[in-house]
Amino acid sequence: DILAIGEKTIYYKEGFRAFELAKKVLPDIINIAGGV
């Protein structure tokens, strides 16, 4: 139901890509970003 990701600066694109992938395959998922 929820995907929570916190990434380091150099991996922010991987974080974005994972959030976008989750929304694509599970449109109702709630994506929460955190971390530095």
PDB file of all heavy atoms in Angstrom:
ATOM      1  N   ASP A   1       0.827  -1.208   0.000  1.00  0.00           N
ATOM      2  CA  ASP A   1       0.000   0.000   0.000  1.00  0.00           C
ATOM      3  C   ASP A   1       0.860   1.256   0.000  1.00  0.00           C
ATOM      4  O   ASP A   1       0.460   2.299  -0.516  1.00  0.00           O
ATOM      5  CB  ASP A   1      -0.903   0.030   1.240  1.00  0.00           C
ATOM      6  CG  ASP A   1      -1.850  -1.163   1.260  1.00  0.00           C
ATOM      7  OD1 ASP A   1      -2.632  -1.297   0.307  1.00  0.00           O
ATOM      8  OD2 ASP A   1      -1.784  -1.949   2.221  1.00  0.00           O
ATOM      9  N   ILE A   2       2.041   1.145   0.646  1.00  0.00           N
ATOM     10  CA  ILE A   2       2.940   2.298   0.791  1.00  0.00           C
ATOM     11  C   ILE A   2       4.361   1.880   0.424  1.00  0.00           C
ATOM     12  O   ILE A   2       4.810   0.785   0.789  1.00  0.00           O
ATOM     13  CB  ILE A   2       2.923   2.819   2.248  1.00  0.00           C
ATOM     14  CG1 ILE A   2       1.551   3.403   2.592  1.00  0.00           C
ATOM     15  CG2 ILE A   2       4.008   3.868   2.476  1.00  0.00           C
ATOM     16  CD1 ILE A   2       1.419   3.814   4.052  1.00  0.00           C
ATOM     17  N   LEU A   3       5.047   2.760  -0.286  1.00  0.00           N
ATOM     18  CA  LEU A   3       6.472   2.580  -0.564  1.00  0.00           C
ATOM     19  C   LEU A   3       7.201   3.792   0.008  1.00  0.00           C
ATOM     20  O   LEU A   3       6.880   4.932  -0.321  1.00  0.00           O
ATOM     21  CB  LEU A   3       6.738   2.478  -2.069  1.00  0.00           C
ATOM     22  CG  LEU A   3       8.207   2.410  -2.500  1.00  0.00           C
ATOM     23  CD1 LEU A   3       8.869   1.133  -1.992  1.00  0.00           C
ATOM     24  CD2 LEU A   3       8.339   2.514  -4.014  1.00  0.00           C
ATOM     25  N   ALA A   4       8.178   3.562   0.891  1.00  0.00           N
ATOM     26  CA  ALA A   4       8.949   4.646   1.504  1.00  0.00           C
ATOM     27  C   ALA A   4      10.413   4.490   1.139  1.00  0.00           C
ATOM     28  O   ALA A   4      10.996   3.414   1.330  1.00  0.00           O
ATOM     29  CB  ALA A   4       8.774   4.629   3.022  1.00  0.00           C
ATOM     30  N   ILE A   5      11.007   5.546   0.597  1.00  0.00           N
ATOM     31  CA  ILE A   5      12.399   5.500   0.141  1.00  0.00           C
ATOM     32  C   ILE A   5      13.127   6.748   0.627  1.00  0.00           C
ATOM     33  O   ILE A   5      12.633   7.861   0.518  1.00  0.00           O
ATOM     34  CB  ILE A   5      12.498   5.455  -1.402  1.00  0.00           C
ATOM     35  CG1 ILE A   5      11.791   4.216  -1.962  1.00  0.00           C
ATOM     36  CG2 ILE A   5      13.958   5.473  -1.848  1.00  0.00           C
ATOM     37  CD1 ILE A   5      11.738   4.189  -3.482  1.00  0.00           C
ATOM     38  N   GLY A   6      14.317   6.543   1.155  1.00  0.00           N
ATOM     39  CA  GLY A   6      15.225   7.647   1.445  1.00  0.00           C
ATOM     40  C   GLY A   6      16.531   7.389   0.725  1.00  0.00           C
ATOM     41  O   GLY A   6      17.099   6.310   0.847  1.00  0.00           O
ATOM     42  N   GLU A   7      17.029   8.350  -0.040  1.00  0.00           N
ATOM     43  CA  GLU A   7      18.237   8.111  -0.830  1.00  0.00           C
ATOM     44  C   GLU A   7      19.325   9.148  -0.554  1.00  0.00           C
ATOM     45  O   GLU A   7      19.045  10.279  -0.166  1.00  0.00           O
ATOM     46  CB  GLU A   7      17.920   8.125  -2.336  1.00  0.00           C
ATOM     47  CG  GLU A   7      17.441   6.797  -2.865  1.00  0.00           C
ATOM     48  CD  GLU A   7      18.441   5.668  -2.700  1.00  0.00           C
ATOM     49  OE1 GLU A   7      19.558   5.877  -2.180  1.00  0.00           O
ATOM     50  OE2 GLU A   7      18.097   4.532  -3.089  1.00  0.00           O
ATOM     51  N   LYS A   8      20.552   8.723  -0.793  1.00  0.00           N
ATOM     52  CA  LYS A   8      21.670   9.661  -0.800  1.00  0.00           C
ATOM     53  C   LYS A   8      21.571  10.530  -2.048  1.00  0.00           C
ATOM     54  O   LYS A   8      20.904  10.184  -3.023  1.00  0.00           O
ATOM     55  CB  LYS A   8      22.999   8.900  -0.799  1.00  0.00           C
ATOM     56  CG  LYS A   8      23.250   8.068   0.451  1.00  0.00           C
ATOM     57  CD  LYS A   8      24.612   7.394   0.357  1.00  0.00           C
ATOM     58  CE  LYS A   8      24.908   6.597   1.620  1.00  0.00           C
ATOM     59  NZ  LYS A   8      24.049   5.427   1.770  1.00  0.00           N
ATOM     60  N   THR A   9      22.288  11.633  -2.027  1.00  0.00           N
ATOM     61  CA  THR A   9      22.185  12.606  -3.108  1.00  0.00           C
ATOM     62  C   THR A   9      22.495  11.994  -4.462  1.00  0.00           C
ATOM     63  O   THR A   9      21.722  12.174  -5.421  1.00  0.00           O
ATOM     64  CB  THR A   9      23.131  13.788  -2.838  1.00  0.00           C
ATOM     65  OG1 THR A   9      22.794  14.373  -1.572  1.00  0.00           O
ATOM     66  CG2 THR A   9      23.003  14.850  -3.920  1.00  0.00           C
ATOM     67  N   ILE A  10      23.586  11.241  -4.577  1.00  0.00           N
ATOM     68  CA  ILE A  10      23.974  10.744  -5.903  1.00  0.00           C
ATOM     69  C   ILE A  10      23.024   9.668  -6.426  1.00  0.00           C
ATOM     70  O   ILE A  10      23.042   9.356  -7.616  1.00  0.00           O
ATOM     71  CB  ILE A  10      25.421  10.202  -5.923  1.00  0.00           C
ATOM     72  CG1 ILE A  10      25.588   9.000  -4.984  1.00  0.00           C
ATOM     73  CG2 ILE A  10      26.403  11.280  -5.578  1.00  0.00           C
ATOM     74  CD1 ILE A  10      26.897   8.268  -5.213  1.00  0.00           C
ATOM     75  N   TYR A  11      22.178   9.119  -5.559  1.00  0.00           N
ATOM     76  CA  TYR A  11      21.241   8.081  -5.998  1.00  0.00           C
ATOM     77  C   TYR A  11      19.811   8.600  -6.105  1.00  0.00           C
ATOM     78  O   TYR A  11      18.869   7.816  -6.176  1.00  0.00           O
ATOM     79  CB  TYR A  11      21.270   6.890  -5.028  1.00  0.00           C
ATOM     80  CG  TYR A  11      22.620   6.221  -4.913  1.00  0.00           C
ATOM     81  CD1 TYR A  11      23.245   6.072  -3.676  1.00  0.00           C
ATOM     82  CD2 TYR A  11      23.283   5.746  -6.038  1.00  0.00           C
ATOM     83  CE1 TYR A  11      24.488   5.462  -3.559  1.00  0.00           C
ATOM     84  CE2 TYR A  11      24.520   5.134  -5.932  1.00  0.00           C
ATOM     85  CZ  TYR A  11      25.116   4.993  -4.688  1.00  0.00           C
ATOM     86  OH  TYR A  11      26.341   4.394  -4.590  1.00  0.00           O
ATOM     87  N   TYR A  12      19.648   9.914  -6.118  1.00  0.00           N
ATOM     88  CA  TYR A  12      18.277  10.433  -6.117  1.00  0.00           C
ATOM     89  C   TYR A  12      17.511   9.998  -7.363  1.00  0.00           C
ATOM     90  O   TYR A  12      16.293   9.776  -7.314  1.00  0.00           O
ATOM     91  CB  TYR A  12      18.276  11.960  -5.986  1.00  0.00           C
ATOM     92  CG  TYR A  12      18.385  12.720  -7.283  1.00  0.00           C
ATOM     93  CD1 TYR A  12      17.241  13.078  -8.001  1.00  0.00           C
ATOM     94  CD2 TYR A  12      19.622  13.083  -7.798  1.00  0.00           C
ATOM     95  CE1 TYR A  12      17.337  13.773  -9.202  1.00  0.00           C
ATOM     96  CE2 TYR A  12      19.730  13.778  -8.995  1.00  0.00           C
ATOM     97  CZ  TYR A  12      18.590  14.115  -9.693  1.00  0.00           C
ATOM     98  OH  TYR A  12      18.677  14.790 -10.882  1.00  0.00           O
ATOM     99  N   LYS A  13      18.211   9.847  -8.504  1.00  0.00           N
ATOM    100  CA  LYS A  13      17.522   9.421  -9.725  1.00  0.00           C
ATOM    101  C   LYS A  13      17.015   7.991  -9.596  1.00  0.00           C
ATOM    102  O   LYS A  13      15.950   7.652 -10.128  1.00  0.00           O
ATOM    103  CB  LYS A  13      18.450   9.549 -10.932  1.00  0.00           C
ATOM    104  CG  LYS A  13      18.689  10.993 -11.356  1.00  0.00           C
ATOM    105  CD  LYS A  13      19.542  11.077 -12.609  1.00  0.00           C
ATOM    106  CE  LYS A  13      19.744  12.526 -13.032  1.00  0.00           C
ATOM    107  NZ  LYS A  13      20.625  12.642 -14.218  1.00  0.00           N
ATOM    108  N   GLU A  14      17.779   7.138  -8.901  1.00  0.00           N
ATOM    109  CA  GLU A  14      17.308   5.775  -8.651  1.00  0.00           C
ATOM    110  C   GLU A  14      16.058   5.809  -7.769  1.00  0.00           C
ATOM    111  O   GLU A  14      15.123   5.036  -7.959  1.00  0.00           O
ATOM    112  CB  GLU A  14      18.409   4.935  -8.010  1.00  0.00           C
ATOM    113  CG  GLU A  14      19.319   4.208  -8.972  1.00  0.00           C
ATOM    114  CD  GLU A  14      20.312   5.121  -9.669  1.00  0.00           C
ATOM    115  OE1 GLU A  14      20.499   6.261  -9.196  1.00  0.00           O
ATOM    116  OE2 GLU A  14      20.901   4.706 -10.685  1.00  0.00           O
ATOM    117  N   GLY A  15      16.052   6.721  -6.778  1.00  0.00           N
ATOM    118  CA  GLY A  15      14.864   6.868  -5.941  1.00  0.00           C
ATOM    119  C   GLY A  15      13.660   7.306  -6.751  1.00  0.00           C
ATOM    120  O   GLY A  15      12.571   6.730  -6.636  1.00  0.00           O
ATOM    121  N   PHE A  16      13.841   8.308  -7.597  1.00  0.00           N
ATOM    122  CA  PHE A  16      12.752   8.768  -8.460  1.00  0.00           C
ATOM    123  C   PHE A  16      12.264   7.636  -9.363  1.00  0.00           C
ATOM    124  O   PHE A  16      11.059   7.432  -9.548  1.00  0.00           O
ATOM    125  CB  PHE A  16      13.230   9.931  -9.330  1.00  0.00           C
ATOM    126  CG  PHE A  16      13.293  11.260  -8.623  1.00  0.00           C
ATOM    127  CD1 PHE A  16      13.048  11.368  -7.255  1.00  0.00           C
ATOM    128  CD2 PHE A  16      13.599  12.422  -9.324  1.00  0.00           C
ATOM    129  CE1 PHE A  16      13.112  12.597  -6.603  1.00  0.00           C
ATOM    130  CE2 PHE A  16      13.661  13.650  -8.688  1.00  0.00           C
ATOM    131  CZ  PHE A  16      13.422  13.740  -7.327  1.00  0.00           C
ATOM    132  N   ARG A  17      13.212   6.900  -9.931  1.00  0.00           N
ATOM    133  CA  ARG A  17      12.830   5.826 -10.855  1.00  0.00           C
ATOM    134  C   ARG A  17      12.018   4.748 -10.149  1.00  0.00           C
ATOM    135  O   ARG A  17      11.053   4.204 -10.713  1.00  0.00           O
ATOM    136  CB  ARG A  17      14.087   5.217 -11.493  1.00  0.00           C
ATOM    137  CG  ARG A  17      13.795   4.141 -12.520  1.00  0.00           C
ATOM    138  CD  ARG A  17      15.074   3.676 -13.198  1.00  0.00           C
ATOM    139  NE  ARG A  17      14.835   2.516 -14.054  1.00  0.00           N
ATOM    140  CZ  ARG A  17      15.773   1.899 -14.754  1.00  0.00           C
ATOM    141  NH1 ARG A  17      17.027   2.335 -14.722  1.00  0.00           N
ATOM    142  NH2 ARG A  17      15.488   0.838 -15.505  1.00  0.00           N
ATOM    143  N   ALA A  18      12.393   4.441  -8.897  1.00  0.00           N
ATOM    144  CA  ALA A  18      11.652   3.429  -8.135  1.00  0.00           C
ATOM    145  C   ALA A  18      10.238   3.911  -7.817  1.00  0.00           C
ATOM    146  O   ALA A  18       9.270   3.140  -7.911  1.00  0.00           O
ATOM    147  CB  ALA A  18      12.403   3.084  -6.851  1.00  0.00           C
ATOM    148  N   PHE A  19      10.100   5.175  -7.444  1.00  0.00           N
ATOM    149  CA  PHE A  19       8.762   5.727  -7.192  1.00  0.00           C
ATOM    150  C   PHE A  19       7.903   5.680  -8.462  1.00  0.00           C
ATOM    151  O   PHE A  19       6.718   5.323  -8.422  1.00  0.00           O
ATOM    152  CB  PHE A  19       8.877   7.176  -6.716  1.00  0.00           C
ATOM    153  CG  PHE A  19       9.296   7.342  -5.278  1.00  0.00           C
ATOM    154  CD1 PHE A  19      10.332   8.203  -4.937  1.00  0.00           C
ATOM    155  CD2 PHE A  19       8.643   6.659  -4.262  1.00  0.00           C
ATOM    156  CE1 PHE A  19      10.709   8.370  -3.614  1.00  0.00           C
ATOM    157  CE2 PHE A  19       9.014   6.817  -2.937  1.00  0.00           C
ATOM    158  CZ  PHE A  19      10.059   7.673  -2.608  1.00  0.00           C
ATOM    159  N   GLU A  20       8.512   6.045  -9.586  1.00  0.00           N
ATOM    160  CA  GLU A  20       7.766   6.051 -10.855  1.00  0.00           C
ATOM    161  C   GLU A  20       7.382   4.636 -11.271  1.00  0.00           C
ATOM    162  O   GLU A  20       6.267   4.403 -11.783  1.00  0.00           O
ATOM    163  CB  GLU A  20       8.616   6.736 -11.928  1.00  0.00           C
ATOM    164  CG  GLU A  20       8.727   8.243 -11.696  1.00  0.00           C
ATOM    165  CD  GLU A  20       9.899   8.876 -12.435  1.00  0.00           C
ATOM    166  OE1 GLU A  20      10.669   8.113 -13.082  1.00  0.00           O
ATOM    167  OE2 GLU A  20      10.064  10.105 -12.352  1.00  0.00           O
ATOM    168  N   LEU A  21       8.283   3.690 -11.051  1.00  0.00           N
ATOM    169  CA  LEU A  21       7.974   2.296 -11.354  1.00  0.00           C
ATOM    170  C   LEU A  21       6.798   1.814 -10.503  1.00  0.00           C
ATOM    171  O   LEU A  21       5.879   1.151 -11.006  1.00  0.00           O
ATOM    172  CB  LEU A  21       9.204   1.424 -11.100  1.00  0.00           C
ATOM    173  CG  LEU A  21       9.008  -0.085 -11.188  1.00  0.00           C
ATOM    174  CD1 LEU A  21       8.619  -0.500 -12.613  1.00  0.00           C
ATOM    175  CD2 LEU A  21      10.272  -0.825 -10.746  1.00  0.00           C
ATOM    176  N   ALA A  22       6.809   2.143  -9.220  1.00  0.00           N
ATOM    177  CA  ALA A  22       5.740   1.712  -8.315  1.00  0.00           C
ATOM    178  C   ALA A  22       4.389   2.273  -8.750  1.00  0.00           C
ATOM    179  O   ALA A  22       3.377   1.561  -8.756  1.00  0.00           O
ATOM    180  CB  ALA A  22       6.067   2.140  -6.887  1.00  0.00           C
ATOM    181  N   LYS A  23       4.346   3.554  -9.135  1.00  0.00           N
ATOM    182  CA  LYS A  23       3.092   4.166  -9.583  1.00  0.00           C
ATOM    183  C   LYS A  23       2.607   3.544 -10.891  1.00  0.00           C
ATOM    184  O   LYS A  23       1.391   3.420 -11.121  1.00  0.00           O
ATOM    185  CB  LYS A  23       3.282   5.669  -9.773  1.00  0.00           C
ATOM    186  CG  LYS A  23       3.255   6.477  -8.495  1.00  0.00           C
ATOM    187  CD  LYS A  23       1.842   6.590  -7.906  1.00  0.00           C
ATOM    188  CE  LYS A  23       1.844   7.562  -6.735  1.00  0.00           C
ATOM    189  NZ  LYS A  23       0.530   7.618  -6.063  1.00  0.00           N
ATOM    190  N   LYS A  24       3.555   3.154 -11.723  1.00  0.00           N
ATOM    191  CA  LYS A  24       3.173   2.564 -13.010  1.00  0.00           C
ATOM    192  C   LYS A  24       2.503   1.209 -12.817  1.00  0.00           C
ATOM    193  O   LYS A  24       1.457   0.926 -13.417  1.00  0.00           O
ATOM    194  CB  LYS A  24       4.403   2.408 -13.905  1.00  0.00           C
ATOM    195  CG  LYS A  24       4.077   1.914 -15.315  1.00  0.00           C
ATOM    196  CD  LYS A  24       5.346   1.685 -16.143  1.00  0.00           C
ATOM    197  CE  LYS A  24       5.816   0.256 -15.957  1.00  0.00           C
ATOM    198  NZ  LYS A  24       6.946  -0.094 -16.860  1.00  0.00           N
ATOM    199  N   VAL A  25       3.066   0.370 -11.957  1.00  0.00           N
ATOM    200  CA  VAL A  25       2.530  -0.982 -11.798  1.00  0.00           C
ATOM    201  C   VAL A  25       1.437  -1.051 -10.727  1.00  0.00           C
ATOM    202  O   VAL A  25       0.606  -1.959 -10.746  1.00  0.00           O
ATOM    203  CB  VAL A  25       3.651  -2.000 -11.492  1.00  0.00           C
ATOM    204  CG1 VAL A  25       4.662  -2.022 -12.621  1.00  0.00           C
ATOM    205  CG2 VAL A  25       4.332  -1.716 -10.169  1.00  0.00           C
ATOM    206  N   LEU A  26       1.439  -0.101  -9.793  1.00  0.00           N
ATOM    207  CA  LEU A  26       0.431  -0.054  -8.720  1.00  0.00           C
ATOM    208  C   LEU A  26      -0.067   1.389  -8.592  1.00  0.00           C
ATOM    209  O   LEU A  26       0.392   2.140  -7.720  1.00  0.00           O
ATOM    210  CB  LEU A  26       1.032  -0.532  -7.385  1.00  0.00           C
ATOM    211  CG  LEU A  26       1.590  -1.954  -7.338  1.00  0.00           C
ATOM    212  CD1 LEU A  26       2.369  -2.175  -6.043  1.00  0.00           C
ATOM    213  CD2 LEU A  26       0.477  -2.976  -7.463  1.00  0.00           C
ATOM    214  N   PRO A  27      -0.992   1.809  -9.432  1.00  0.00           N
ATOM    215  CA  PRO A  27      -1.409   3.223  -9.479  1.00  0.00           C
ATOM    216  C   PRO A  27      -1.914   3.781  -8.154  1.00  0.00           C
ATOM    217  O   PRO A  27      -1.826   4.996  -7.925  1.00  0.00           O
ATOM    218  CB  PRO A  27      -2.525   3.224 -10.535  1.00  0.00           C
ATOM    219  CG  PRO A  27      -2.237   2.028 -11.395  1.00  0.00           C
ATOM    220  CD  PRO A  27      -1.667   0.998 -10.466  1.00  0.00           C
ATOM    221  N   ASP A  28      -2.440   2.941  -7.262  1.00  0.00           N
ATOM    222  CA  ASP A  28      -2.986   3.434  -5.999  1.00  0.00           C
ATOM    223  C   ASP A  28      -1.963   3.479  -4.867  1.00  0.00           C
ATOM    224  O   ASP A  28      -2.301   3.867  -3.737  1.00  0.00           O
ATOM    225  CB  ASP A  28      -4.166   2.564  -5.559  1.00  0.00           C
ATOM    226  CG  ASP A  28      -5.346   2.676  -6.514  1.00  0.00           C
ATOM    227  OD1 ASP A  28      -5.504   3.768  -7.106  1.00  0.00           O
ATOM    228  OD2 ASP A  28      -6.080   1.694  -6.672  1.00  0.00           O
ATOM    229  N   ILE A  29      -0.720   3.086  -5.133  1.00  0.00           N
ATOM    230  CA  ILE A  29       0.294   3.057  -4.077  1.00  0.00           C
ATOM    231  C   ILE A  29       0.571   4.473  -3.592  1.00  0.00           C
ATOM    232  O   ILE A  29       0.457   5.454  -4.334  1.00  0.00           O
ATOM    233  CB  ILE A  29       1.587   2.389  -4.586  1.00  0.00           C
ATOM    234  CG1 ILE A  29       2.471   1.962  -3.407  1.00  0.00           C
ATOM    235  CG2 ILE A  29       2.367   3.323  -5.521  1.00  0.00           C
ATOM    236  CD1 ILE A  29       3.645   1.085  -3.802  1.00  0.00           C
ATOM    237  N   ILE A  30       0.912   4.604  -2.311  1.00  0.00           N
ATOM    238  CA  ILE A  30       1.281   5.903  -1.716  1.00  0.00           C
ATOM    239  C   ILE A  30       2.799   5.927  -1.577  1.00  0.00           C
ATOM    240  O   ILE A  30       3.382   5.083  -0.891  1.00  0.00           O
ATOM    241  CB  ILE A  30       0.612   6.091  -0.354  1.00  0.00           C
ATOM    242  CG1 ILE A  30      -0.914   6.140  -0.523  1.00  0.00           C
ATOM    243  CG2 ILE A  30       1.118   7.365   0.341  1.00  0.00           C
ATOM    244  CD1 ILE A  30      -1.674   6.002   0.771  1.00  0.00           C
ATOM    245  N   ASN A  31       3.445   6.884  -2.236  1.00  0.00           N
ATOM    246  CA  ASN A  31       4.900   6.987  -2.234  1.00  0.00           C
ATOM    247  C   ASN A  31       5.355   8.080  -1.270  1.00  0.00           C
ATOM    248  O   ASN A  31       4.921   9.226  -1.359  1.00  0.00           O
ATOM    249  CB  ASN A  31       5.414   7.317  -3.645  1.00  0.00           C
ATOM    250  CG  ASN A  31       5.387   6.111  -4.569  1.00  0.00           C
ATOM    251  OD1 ASN A  31       5.496   4.976  -4.110  1.00  0.00           O
ATOM    252  ND2 ASN A  31       5.260   6.350  -5.863  1.00  0.00           N
ATOM    253  N   ILE A  32       6.242   7.698  -0.350  1.00  0.00           N
ATOM    254  CA  ILE A  32       6.745   8.623   0.669  1.00  0.00           C
ATOM    255  C   ILE A  32       8.263   8.711   0.553  1.00  0.00           C
ATOM    256  O   ILE A  32       8.962   7.700   0.632  1.00  0.00           O
ATOM    257  CB  ILE A  32       6.354   8.159   2.081  1.00  0.00           C
ATOM    258  CG1 ILE A  32       4.833   8.002   2.187  1.00  0.00           C
ATOM    259  CG2 ILE A  32       6.884   9.131   3.132  1.00  0.00           C
ATOM    260  CD1 ILE A  32       4.382   7.400   3.521  1.00  0.00           C
ATOM    261  N   ALA A  33       8.765   9.922   0.361  1.00  0.00           N
ATOM    262  CA  ALA A  33      10.208  10.158   0.301  1.00  0.00           C
ATOM    263  C   ALA A  33      10.689  10.700   1.640  1.00  0.00           C
ATOM    264  O   ALA A  33       9.963  11.399   2.347  1.00  0.00           O
ATOM    265  CB  ALA A  33      10.535  11.153  -0.818  1.00  0.00           C
ATOM    266  N   GLY A  34      11.925  10.383   2.003  1.00  0.00           N
ATOM    267  CA  GLY A  34      12.504  10.889   3.244  1.00  0.00           C
ATOM    268  C   GLY A  34      14.014  10.875   3.167  1.00  0.00           C
ATOM    269  O   GLY A  34      14.601  10.622   2.110  1.00  0.00           O
ATOM    270  N   GLY A  35      14.653  11.139   4.292  1.00  0.00           N
ATOM    271  CA  GLY A  35      16.107  11.125   4.304  1.00  0.00           C
ATOM    272  C   GLY A  35      16.723  12.451   3.910  1.00  0.00           C
ATOM    273  O   GLY A  35      16.043  13.416   3.571  1.00  0.00           O
ATOM    274  N   VAL A  36      18.045  12.471   3.907  1.00  0.00           N
ATOM    275  CA  VAL A  36      18.775  13.733   3.820  1.00  0.00           C
ATOM    276  C   VAL A  36      18.562  14.472   2.505  1.00  0.00           C
ATOM    277  O   VAL A  36      18.375  15.696   2.488  1.00  0.00           O
ATOM    278  CB  VAL A  36      20.278  13.494   4.083  1.00  0.00           C
ATOM    279  CG1 VAL A  36      20.891  12.584   3.043  1.00  0.00           C
ATOM    280  CG2 VAL A  36      21.025  14.816   4.146  1.00  0.00           C
TER     281      VAL A  36
END
